[in-house]
Amino acid sequence: MCLINIHPLMDFDASELLRSPGDVLLNDHLRPRTMSIAWLARRTGISVSSLRQITRGERRINAEFAFRLSCVMDPTPAYWLVLQARYDLARVGAEHDARRRGK
């Protein structure tokens, strides 16, 4: 049974500003609702230090964190994982392009 139909040529809108998932978490979800990182840590069981690293872009959102975030906030786990994948792909693509131009 297929719950999600993912097209092999799925892509992202390149005109959208690339932001880290941590930036989205902080500026689109926590600050507008006046939620603190400490509050989110208590509710999700994710440590404060891990959440701070995520919001600074120093740590990735993995499946476990995505699931825990979705238990407390509206976005689904897939939302957080797609944000992370988009960010990772853009960074790798930029590094690849820079190496290619450097040759």
PDB file of N, CA and C in Angstrom:
ATOM      1  N   MET A   1       0.841  -1.171   0.000  1.00  0.00           N
ATOM      2  CA  MET A   1       0.000   0.000   0.000  1.00  0.00           C
ATOM      3  C   MET A   1       0.889   1.237   0.000  1.00  0.00           C
ATOM      4  N   CYS A   2       0.636   2.172  -0.902  1.00  0.00           N
ATOM      5  CA  CYS A   2       1.421   3.400  -1.000  1.00  0.00           C
ATOM      6  C   CYS A   2       0.617   4.551  -0.397  1.00  0.00           C
ATOM      7  N   LEU A   3       1.107   5.101   0.685  1.00  0.00           N
ATOM      8  CA  LEU A   3       0.393   6.199   1.335  1.00  0.00           C
ATOM      9  C   LEU A   3       0.731   7.545   0.724  1.00  0.00           C
ATOM     10  N   ILE A   4       1.954   7.663   0.219  1.00  0.00           N
ATOM     11  CA  ILE A   4       2.396   8.916  -0.372  1.00  0.00           C
ATOM     12  C   ILE A   4       2.940   8.623  -1.757  1.00  0.00           C
ATOM     13  N   ASN A   5       2.415   9.304  -2.754  1.00  0.00           N
ATOM     14  CA  ASN A   5       2.896   9.134  -4.115  1.00  0.00           C
ATOM     15  C   ASN A   5       3.947  10.205  -4.376  1.00  0.00           C
ATOM     16  N   ILE A   6       5.204   9.768  -4.488  1.00  0.00           N
ATOM     17  CA  ILE A   6       6.296  10.708  -4.710  1.00  0.00           C
ATOM     18  C   ILE A   6       6.769  10.561  -6.142  1.00  0.00           C
ATOM     19  N   HIS A   7       6.703  11.635  -6.865  1.00  0.00           N
ATOM     20  CA  HIS A   7       7.119  11.634  -8.261  1.00  0.00           C
ATOM     21  C   HIS A   7       8.645  11.653  -8.341  1.00  0.00           C
ATOM     22  N   PRO A   8       9.251  10.836  -9.231  1.00  0.00           N
ATOM     23  CA  PRO A   8      10.716  10.779  -9.316  1.00  0.00           C
ATOM     24  C   PRO A   8      11.372  12.094  -9.708  1.00  0.00           C
ATOM     25  N   LEU A   9      10.649  12.975 -10.355  1.00  0.00           N
ATOM     26  CA  LEU A   9      11.226  14.251 -10.773  1.00  0.00           C
ATOM     27  C   LEU A   9      10.822  15.401  -9.855  1.00  0.00           C
ATOM     28  N   MET A  10      10.368  15.053  -8.664  1.00  0.00           N
ATOM     29  CA  MET A  10       9.966  16.078  -7.698  1.00  0.00           C
ATOM     30  C   MET A  10      11.122  17.042  -7.463  1.00  0.00           C
ATOM     31  N   ASP A  11      10.827  18.304  -7.435  1.00  0.00           N
ATOM     32  CA  ASP A  11      11.855  19.312  -7.218  1.00  0.00           C
ATOM     33  C   ASP A  11      11.275  20.416  -6.352  1.00  0.00           C
ATOM     34  N   PHE A  12      12.113  21.368  -5.991  1.00  0.00           N
ATOM     35  CA  PHE A  12      11.697  22.475  -5.149  1.00  0.00           C
ATOM     36  C   PHE A  12      11.761  23.765  -5.943  1.00  0.00           C
ATOM     37  N   ASP A  13      10.985  24.726  -5.524  1.00  0.00           N
ATOM     38  CA  ASP A  13      10.975  26.035  -6.169  1.00  0.00           C
ATOM     39  C   ASP A  13      12.271  26.761  -5.822  1.00  0.00           C
ATOM     40  N   ALA A  14      13.129  26.922  -6.812  1.00  0.00           N
ATOM     41  CA  ALA A  14      14.436  27.554  -6.589  1.00  0.00           C
ATOM     42  C   ALA A  14      14.323  29.035  -6.256  1.00  0.00           C
ATOM     43  N   SER A  15      13.178  29.641  -6.546  1.00  0.00           N
ATOM     44  CA  SER A  15      13.021  31.072  -6.261  1.00  0.00           C
ATOM     45  C   SER A  15      12.777  31.326  -4.768  1.00  0.00           C
ATOM     46  N   GLU A  16      12.407  30.288  -4.031  1.00  0.00           N
ATOM     47  CA  GLU A  16      12.186  30.459  -2.597  1.00  0.00           C
ATOM     48  C   GLU A  16      13.528  30.612  -1.882  1.00  0.00           C
ATOM     49  N   LEU A  17      13.562  31.487  -0.911  1.00  0.00           N
ATOM     50  CA  LEU A  17      14.754  31.706  -0.105  1.00  0.00           C
ATOM     51  C   LEU A  17      15.097  30.438   0.667  1.00  0.00           C
ATOM     52  N   LEU A  18      16.352  30.008   0.548  1.00  0.00           N
ATOM     53  CA  LEU A  18      16.788  28.808   1.262  1.00  0.00           C
ATOM     54  C   LEU A  18      17.062  29.165   2.718  1.00  0.00           C
ATOM     55  N   ARG A  19      16.367  28.491   3.607  1.00  0.00           N
ATOM     56  CA  ARG A  19      16.551  28.696   5.039  1.00  0.00           C
ATOM     57  C   ARG A  19      16.751  27.353   5.702  1.00  0.00           C
ATOM     58  N   SER A  20      17.548  27.342   6.746  1.00  0.00           N
ATOM     59  CA  SER A  20      17.759  26.087   7.461  1.00  0.00           C
ATOM     60  C   SER A  20      16.472  25.716   8.204  1.00  0.00           C
ATOM     61  N   PRO A  21      16.271  24.419   8.430  1.00  0.00           N
ATOM     62  CA  PRO A  21      15.101  24.008   9.210  1.00  0.00           C
ATOM     63  C   PRO A  21      15.082  24.643  10.600  1.00  0.00           C
ATOM     64  N   GLY A  22      16.258  24.861  11.168  1.00  0.00           N
ATOM     65  CA  GLY A  22      16.330  25.509  12.475  1.00  0.00           C
ATOM     66  C   GLY A  22      15.842  26.947  12.436  1.00  0.00           C
ATOM     67  N   ASP A  23      16.155  27.651  11.344  1.00  0.00           N
ATOM     68  CA  ASP A  23      15.666  29.018  11.175  1.00  0.00           C
ATOM     69  C   ASP A  23      14.141  29.015  11.056  1.00  0.00           C
ATOM     70  N   VAL A  24      13.604  28.062  10.310  1.00  0.00           N
ATOM     71  CA  VAL A  24      12.148  27.943  10.172  1.00  0.00           C
ATOM     72  C   VAL A  24      11.519  27.630  11.523  1.00  0.00           C
ATOM     73  N   LEU A  25      12.109  26.709  12.255  1.00  0.00           N
ATOM     74  CA  LEU A  25      11.605  26.350  13.581  1.00  0.00           C
ATOM     75  C   LEU A  25      11.564  27.565  14.496  1.00  0.00           C
ATOM     76  N   LEU A  26      12.656  28.291  14.545  1.00  0.00           N
ATOM     77  CA  LEU A  26      12.760  29.434  15.449  1.00  0.00           C
ATOM     78  C   LEU A  26      11.858  30.593  15.028  1.00  0.00           C
ATOM     79  N   ASN A  27      11.981  31.005  13.760  1.00  0.00           N
ATOM     80  CA  ASN A  27      11.309  32.236  13.325  1.00  0.00           C
ATOM     81  C   ASN A  27       9.878  32.074  12.837  1.00  0.00           C
ATOM     82  N   ASP A  28       9.504  30.864  12.415  1.00  0.00           N
ATOM     83  CA  ASP A  28       8.146  30.659  11.920  1.00  0.00           C
ATOM     84  C   ASP A  28       7.244  29.946  12.918  1.00  0.00           C
ATOM     85  N   HIS A  29       7.852  29.273  13.882  1.00  0.00           N
ATOM     86  CA  HIS A  29       7.029  28.485  14.807  1.00  0.00           C
ATOM     87  C   HIS A  29       7.184  28.898  16.263  1.00  0.00           C
ATOM     88  N   LEU A  30       8.405  29.066  16.744  1.00  0.00           N
ATOM     89  CA  LEU A  30       8.582  29.396  18.158  1.00  0.00           C
ATOM     90  C   LEU A  30       8.302  30.862  18.465  1.00  0.00           C
ATOM     91  N   ARG A  31       8.999  31.756  17.783  1.00  0.00           N
ATOM     92  CA  ARG A  31       8.843  33.195  18.095  1.00  0.00           C
ATOM     93  C   ARG A  31       7.423  33.713  17.907  1.00  0.00           C
ATOM     94  N   PRO A  32       6.741  33.391  16.805  1.00  0.00           N
ATOM     95  CA  PRO A  32       5.367  33.909  16.660  1.00  0.00           C
ATOM     96  C   PRO A  32       4.419  33.441  17.765  1.00  0.00           C
ATOM     97  N   ARG A  33       4.701  32.273  18.334  1.00  0.00           N
ATOM     98  CA  ARG A  33       3.842  31.733  19.394  1.00  0.00           C
ATOM     99  C   ARG A  33       4.416  32.017  20.775  1.00  0.00           C
ATOM    100  N   THR A  34       5.459  32.813  20.822  1.00  0.00           N
ATOM    101  CA  THR A  34       6.181  33.141  22.059  1.00  0.00           C
ATOM    102  C   THR A  34       6.541  31.895  22.871  1.00  0.00           C
ATOM    103  N   MET A  35       6.998  30.864  22.159  1.00  0.00           N
ATOM    104  CA  MET A  35       7.471  29.640  22.803  1.00  0.00           C
ATOM    105  C   MET A  35       8.987  29.728  22.929  1.00  0.00           C
ATOM    106  N   SER A  36       9.501  29.273  24.035  1.00  0.00           N
ATOM    107  CA  SER A  36      10.951  29.269  24.222  1.00  0.00           C
ATOM    108  C   SER A  36      11.523  27.906  23.839  1.00  0.00           C
ATOM    109  N   ILE A  37      12.823  27.883  23.621  1.00  0.00           N
ATOM    110  CA  ILE A  37      13.500  26.621  23.344  1.00  0.00           C
ATOM    111  C   ILE A  37      13.387  25.703  24.561  1.00  0.00           C
ATOM    112  N   ALA A  38      13.467  26.266  25.761  1.00  0.00           N
ATOM    113  CA  ALA A  38      13.349  25.456  26.980  1.00  0.00           C
ATOM    114  C   ALA A  38      11.968  24.804  27.065  1.00  0.00           C
ATOM    115  N   TRP A  39      10.924  25.558  26.724  1.00  0.00           N
ATOM    116  CA  TRP A  39       9.569  25.005  26.733  1.00  0.00           C
ATOM    117  C   TRP A  39       9.464  23.860  25.733  1.00  0.00           C
ATOM    118  N   LEU A  40       9.989  24.084  24.525  1.00  0.00           N
ATOM    119  CA  LEU A  40       9.938  23.058  23.494  1.00  0.00           C
ATOM    120  C   LEU A  40      10.726  21.819  23.919  1.00  0.00           C
ATOM    121  N   ALA A  41      11.849  22.013  24.569  1.00  0.00           N
ATOM    122  CA  ALA A  41      12.652  20.891  25.053  1.00  0.00           C
ATOM    123  C   ALA A  41      11.858  20.059  26.059  1.00  0.00           C
ATOM    124  N   ARG A  42      11.173  20.730  26.979  1.00  0.00           N
ATOM    125  CA  ARG A  42      10.371  20.007  27.973  1.00  0.00           C
ATOM    126  C   ARG A  42       9.252  19.216  27.306  1.00  0.00           C
ATOM    127  N   ARG A  43       8.621  19.803  26.307  1.00  0.00           N
ATOM    128  CA  ARG A  43       7.488  19.154  25.637  1.00  0.00           C
ATOM    129  C   ARG A  43       7.900  18.020  24.708  1.00  0.00           C
ATOM    130  N   THR A  44       9.072  18.118  24.084  1.00  0.00           N
ATOM    131  CA  THR A  44       9.490  17.121  23.094  1.00  0.00           C
ATOM    132  C   THR A  44      10.446  16.078  23.639  1.00  0.00           C
ATOM    133  N   GLY A  45      11.127  16.389  24.726  1.00  0.00           N
ATOM    134  CA  GLY A  45      12.153  15.493  25.232  1.00  0.00           C
ATOM    135  C   GLY A  45      13.474  15.642  24.493  1.00  0.00           C
ATOM    136  N   ILE A  46      13.557  16.621  23.596  1.00  0.00           N
ATOM    137  CA  ILE A  46      14.807  16.945  22.910  1.00  0.00           C
ATOM    138  C   ILE A  46      15.563  17.907  23.825  1.00  0.00           C
ATOM    139  N   SER A  47      16.846  17.690  24.021  1.00  0.00           N
ATOM    140  CA  SER A  47      17.593  18.539  24.944  1.00  0.00           C
ATOM    141  C   SER A  47      17.658  19.990  24.447  1.00  0.00           C
ATOM    142  N   VAL A  48      17.786  20.895  25.391  1.00  0.00           N
ATOM    143  CA  VAL A  48      17.918  22.311  25.059  1.00  0.00           C
ATOM    144  C   VAL A  48      19.135  22.528  24.172  1.00  0.00           C
ATOM    145  N   SER A  49      20.238  21.870  24.493  1.00  0.00           N
ATOM    146  CA  SER A  49      21.452  22.064  23.692  1.00  0.00           C
ATOM    147  C   SER A  49      21.248  21.570  22.260  1.00  0.00           C
ATOM    148  N   SER A  50      20.560  20.452  22.074  1.00  0.00           N
ATOM    149  CA  SER A  50      20.285  19.961  20.716  1.00  0.00           C
ATOM    150  C   SER A  50      19.395  20.941  19.961  1.00  0.00           C
ATOM    151  N   LEU A  51      18.369  21.457  20.612  1.00  0.00           N
ATOM    152  CA  LEU A  51      17.482  22.424  19.948  1.00  0.00           C
ATOM    153  C   LEU A  51      18.226  23.707  19.592  1.00  0.00           C
ATOM    154  N   ARG A  52      19.102  24.164  20.473  1.00  0.00           N
ATOM    155  CA  ARG A  52      19.899  25.356  20.155  1.00  0.00           C
ATOM    156  C   ARG A  52      20.800  25.096  18.950  1.00  0.00           C
ATOM    157  N   GLN A  53      21.406  23.911  18.897  1.00  0.00           N
ATOM    158  CA  GLN A  53      22.256  23.562  17.758  1.00  0.00           C
ATOM    159  C   GLN A  53      21.433  23.519  16.470  1.00  0.00           C
ATOM    160  N   ILE A  54      20.218  23.014  16.542  1.00  0.00           N
ATOM    161  CA  ILE A  54      19.341  22.980  15.363  1.00  0.00           C
ATOM    162  C   ILE A  54      19.018  24.401  14.918  1.00  0.00           C
ATOM    163  N   THR A  55      18.646  25.269  15.852  1.00  0.00           N
ATOM    164  CA  THR A  55      18.265  26.636  15.466  1.00  0.00           C
ATOM    165  C   THR A  55      19.442  27.438  14.939  1.00  0.00           C
ATOM    166  N   ARG A  56      20.665  27.044  15.310  1.00  0.00           N
ATOM    167  CA  ARG A  56      21.865  27.717  14.784  1.00  0.00           C
ATOM    168  C   ARG A  56      22.368  27.064  13.502  1.00  0.00           C
ATOM    169  N   GLY A  57      21.713  25.996  13.060  1.00  0.00           N
ATOM    170  CA  GLY A  57      22.127  25.312  11.848  1.00  0.00           C
ATOM    171  C   GLY A  57      23.337  24.414  12.037  1.00  0.00           C
ATOM    172  N   GLU A  58      23.643  24.069  13.269  1.00  0.00           N
ATOM    173  CA  GLU A  58      24.804  23.227  13.574  1.00  0.00           C
ATOM    174  C   GLU A  58      24.439  21.754  13.675  1.00  0.00           C
ATOM    175  N   ARG A  59      23.150  21.462  13.696  1.00  0.00           N
ATOM    176  CA  ARG A  59      22.684  20.082  13.832  1.00  0.00           C
ATOM    177  C   ARG A  59      21.494  19.878  12.908  1.00  0.00           C
ATOM    178  N   ARG A  60      21.420  18.697  12.315  1.00  0.00           N
ATOM    179  CA  ARG A  60      20.339  18.375  11.395  1.00  0.00           C
ATOM    180  C   ARG A  60      19.107  17.891  12.165  1.00  0.00           C
ATOM    181  N   ILE A  61      17.960  18.039  11.546  1.00  0.00           N
ATOM    182  CA  ILE A  61      16.739  17.451  12.090  1.00  0.00           C
ATOM    183  C   ILE A  61      16.641  16.039  11.527  1.00  0.00           C
ATOM    184  N   ASN A  62      16.705  15.052  12.407  1.00  0.00           N
ATOM    185  CA  ASN A  62      16.595  13.658  11.979  1.00  0.00           C
ATOM    186  C   ASN A  62      15.152  13.183  12.160  1.00  0.00           C
ATOM    187  N   ALA A  63      14.892  11.938  11.811  1.00  0.00           N
ATOM    188  CA  ALA A  63      13.526  11.406  11.870  1.00  0.00           C
ATOM    189  C   ALA A  63      12.966  11.441  13.293  1.00  0.00           C
ATOM    190  N   GLU A  64      13.788  11.112  14.273  1.00  0.00           N
ATOM    191  CA  GLU A  64      13.331  11.130  15.671  1.00  0.00           C
ATOM    192  C   GLU A  64      12.913  12.536  16.090  1.00  0.00           C
ATOM    193  N   PHE A  65      13.762  13.518  15.792  1.00  0.00           N
ATOM    194  CA  PHE A  65      13.431  14.901  16.144  1.00  0.00           C
ATOM    195  C   PHE A  65      12.192  15.375  15.382  1.00  0.00           C
ATOM    196  N   ALA A  66      12.090  15.013  14.106  1.00  0.00           N
ATOM    197  CA  ALA A  66      10.931  15.412  13.292  1.00  0.00           C
ATOM    198  C   ALA A  66       9.646  14.878  13.916  1.00  0.00           C
ATOM    199  N   PHE A  67       9.679  13.625  14.331  1.00  0.00           N
ATOM    200  CA  PHE A  67       8.505  13.033  14.966  1.00  0.00           C
ATOM    201  C   PHE A  67       8.156  13.751  16.264  1.00  0.00           C
ATOM    202  N   ARG A  68       9.161  14.019  17.093  1.00  0.00           N
ATOM    203  CA  ARG A  68       8.917  14.687  18.373  1.00  0.00           C
ATOM    204  C   ARG A  68       8.389  16.107  18.184  1.00  0.00           C
ATOM    205  N   LEU A  69       8.938  16.828  17.203  1.00  0.00           N
ATOM    206  CA  LEU A  69       8.450  18.180  16.927  1.00  0.00           C
ATOM    207  C   LEU A  69       6.988  18.150  16.474  1.00  0.00           C
ATOM    208  N   SER A  70       6.647  17.158  15.650  1.00  0.00           N
ATOM    209  CA  SER A  70       5.279  17.084  15.134  1.00  0.00           C
ATOM    210  C   SER A  70       4.270  16.737  16.217  1.00  0.00           C
ATOM    211  N   CYS A  71       4.720  16.134  17.295  1.00  0.00           N
ATOM    212  CA  CYS A  71       3.812  15.827  18.412  1.00  0.00           C
ATOM    213  C   CYS A  71       3.419  17.085  19.175  1.00  0.00           C
ATOM    214  N   VAL A  72       4.209  18.140  19.039  1.00  0.00           N
ATOM    215  CA  VAL A  72       3.973  19.368  19.802  1.00  0.00           C
ATOM    216  C   VAL A  72       3.439  20.495  18.914  1.00  0.00           C
ATOM    217  N   MET A  73       3.850  20.505  17.650  1.00  0.00           N
ATOM    218  CA  MET A  73       3.447  21.578  16.735  1.00  0.00           C
ATOM    219  C   MET A  73       2.703  20.992  15.544  1.00  0.00           C
ATOM    220  N   ASP A  74       2.061  21.855  14.777  1.00  0.00           N
ATOM    221  CA  ASP A  74       1.225  21.436  13.661  1.00  0.00           C
ATOM    222  C   ASP A  74       1.962  20.702  12.540  1.00  0.00           C
ATOM    223  N   PRO A  75       3.135  21.142  12.095  1.00  0.00           N
ATOM    224  CA  PRO A  75       3.742  20.472  10.940  1.00  0.00           C
ATOM    225  C   PRO A  75       3.995  18.983  11.190  1.00  0.00           C
ATOM    226  N   THR A  76       3.870  18.215  10.123  1.00  0.00           N
ATOM    227  CA  THR A  76       4.078  16.770  10.195  1.00  0.00           C
ATOM    228  C   THR A  76       5.572  16.445  10.236  1.00  0.00           C
ATOM    229  N   PRO A  77       5.929  15.215  10.599  1.00  0.00           N
ATOM    230  CA  PRO A  77       7.335  14.815  10.537  1.00  0.00           C
ATOM    231  C   PRO A  77       7.904  14.970   9.123  1.00  0.00           C
ATOM    232  N   ALA A  78       7.100  14.662   8.122  1.00  0.00           N
ATOM    233  CA  ALA A  78       7.569  14.777   6.730  1.00  0.00           C
ATOM    234  C   ALA A  78       7.928  16.224   6.394  1.00  0.00           C
ATOM    235  N   TYR A  79       7.191  17.184   6.931  1.00  0.00           N
ATOM    236  CA  TYR A  79       7.489  18.601   6.707  1.00  0.00           C
ATOM    237  C   TYR A  79       8.909  18.926   7.152  1.00  0.00           C
ATOM    238  N   TRP A  80       9.258  18.497   8.375  1.00  0.00           N
ATOM    239  CA  TRP A  80      10.590  18.794   8.912  1.00  0.00           C
ATOM    240  C   TRP A  80      11.673  18.077   8.121  1.00  0.00           C
ATOM    241  N   LEU A  81      11.410  16.829   7.722  1.00  0.00           N
ATOM    242  CA  LEU A  81      12.410  16.073   6.971  1.00  0.00           C
ATOM    243  C   LEU A  81      12.607  16.631   5.565  1.00  0.00           C
ATOM    244  N   VAL A  82      11.536  17.089   4.934  1.00  0.00           N
ATOM    245  CA  VAL A  82      11.665  17.703   3.604  1.00  0.00           C
ATOM    246  C   VAL A  82      12.431  19.016   3.699  1.00  0.00           C
ATOM    247  N   LEU A  83      12.166  19.813   4.737  1.00  0.00           N
ATOM    248  CA  LEU A  83      12.945  21.043   4.927  1.00  0.00           C
ATOM    249  C   LEU A  83      14.426  20.718   5.058  1.00  0.00           C
ATOM    250  N   GLN A  84      14.737  19.694   5.844  1.00  0.00           N
ATOM    251  CA  GLN A  84      16.131  19.316   6.043  1.00  0.00           C
ATOM    252  C   GLN A  84      16.748  18.798   4.749  1.00  0.00           C
ATOM    253  N   ALA A  85      16.023  17.964   4.029  1.00  0.00           N
ATOM    254  CA  ALA A  85      16.545  17.415   2.767  1.00  0.00           C
ATOM    255  C   ALA A  85      16.778  18.525   1.749  1.00  0.00           C
ATOM    256  N   ARG A  86      15.847  19.455   1.637  1.00  0.00           N
ATOM    257  CA  ARG A  86      15.997  20.573   0.699  1.00  0.00           C
ATOM    258  C   ARG A  86      17.239  21.390   1.039  1.00  0.00           C
ATOM    259  N   TYR A  87      17.417  21.669   2.314  1.00  0.00           N
ATOM    260  CA  TYR A  87      18.561  22.452   2.765  1.00  0.00           C
ATOM    261  C   TYR A  87      19.868  21.712   2.481  1.00  0.00           C
ATOM    262  N   ASP A  88      19.904  20.423   2.807  1.00  0.00           N
ATOM    263  CA  ASP A  88      21.098  19.618   2.578  1.00  0.00           C
ATOM    264  C   ASP A  88      21.441  19.538   1.092  1.00  0.00           C
ATOM    265  N   LEU A  89      20.438  19.296   0.253  1.00  0.00           N
ATOM    266  CA  LEU A  89      20.671  19.194  -1.191  1.00  0.00           C
ATOM    267  C   LEU A  89      21.193  20.510  -1.766  1.00  0.00           C
ATOM    268  N   ALA A  90      20.653  21.621  -1.312  1.00  0.00           N
ATOM    269  CA  ALA A  90      21.101  22.925  -1.806  1.00  0.00           C
ATOM    270  C   ALA A  90      22.547  23.179  -1.400  1.00  0.00           C
ATOM    271  N   ARG A  91      22.897  22.835  -0.178  1.00  0.00           N
ATOM    272  CA  ARG A  91      24.284  23.033   0.285  1.00  0.00           C
ATOM    273  C   ARG A  91      25.258  22.148  -0.481  1.00  0.00           C
ATOM    274  N   VAL A  92      24.912  20.885  -0.681  1.00  0.00           N
ATOM    275  CA  VAL A  92      25.783  19.976  -1.427  1.00  0.00           C
ATOM    276  C   VAL A  92      25.915  20.444  -2.871  1.00  0.00           C
ATOM    277  N   GLY A  93      24.793  20.885  -3.463  1.00  0.00           N
ATOM    278  CA  GLY A  93      24.833  21.389  -4.839  1.00  0.00           C
ATOM    279  C   GLY A  93      25.727  22.605  -4.975  1.00  0.00           C
ATOM    280  N   ALA A  94      25.655  23.512  -4.004  1.00  0.00           N
ATOM    281  CA  ALA A  94      26.499  24.716  -4.040  1.00  0.00           C
ATOM    282  C   ALA A  94      27.969  24.347  -3.891  1.00  0.00           C
ATOM    283  N   GLU A  95      28.268  23.400  -3.014  1.00  0.00           N
ATOM    284  CA  GLU A  95      29.660  22.953  -2.846  1.00  0.00           C
ATOM    285  C   GLU A  95      30.169  22.278  -4.122  1.00  0.00           C
ATOM    286  N   HIS A  96      29.327  21.479  -4.741  1.00  0.00           N
ATOM    287  CA  HIS A  96      29.693  20.803  -5.984  1.00  0.00           C
ATOM    288  C   HIS A  96      29.964  21.824  -7.091  1.00  0.00           C
ATOM    289  N   ASP A  97      29.085  22.818  -7.206  1.00  0.00           N
ATOM    290  CA  ASP A  97      29.273  23.870  -8.226  1.00  0.00           C
ATOM    291  C   ASP A  97      30.563  24.645  -7.969  1.00  0.00           C
ATOM    292  N   ALA A  98      30.852  24.940  -6.722  1.00  0.00           N
ATOM    293  CA  ALA A  98      32.081  25.685  -6.384  1.00  0.00           C
ATOM    294  C   ALA A  98      33.321  24.880  -6.748  1.00  0.00           C
ATOM    295  N   ARG A  99      33.289  23.581  -6.478  1.00  0.00           N
ATOM    296  CA  ARG A  99      34.435  22.731  -6.845  1.00  0.00           C
ATOM    297  C   ARG A  99      34.596  22.665  -8.372  1.00  0.00           C
ATOM    298  N   ARG A 100      33.490  22.577  -9.083  1.00  0.00           N
ATOM    299  CA  ARG A 100      33.542  22.499 -10.535  1.00  0.00           C
ATOM    300  C   ARG A 100      34.088  23.800 -11.130  1.00  0.00           C
ATOM    301  N   ARG A 101      33.710  24.938 -10.568  1.00  0.00           N
ATOM    302  CA  ARG A 101      34.199  26.226 -11.063  1.00  0.00           C
ATOM    303  C   ARG A 101      35.675  26.412 -10.732  1.00  0.00           C
ATOM    304  N   GLY A 102      36.120  25.802  -9.628  1.00  0.00           N
ATOM    305  CA  GLY A 102      37.506  25.922  -9.188  1.00  0.00           C
ATOM    306  C   GLY A 102      38.487  25.130 -10.030  1.00  0.00           C
ATOM    307  N   LYS A 103      37.995  24.210 -10.809  1.00  0.00           N
ATOM    308  CA  LYS A 103      38.901  23.365 -11.631  1.00  0.00           C
ATOM    309  C   LYS A 103      39.306  24.052 -12.897  1.00  0.00           C
TER     310      LYS A 103
END
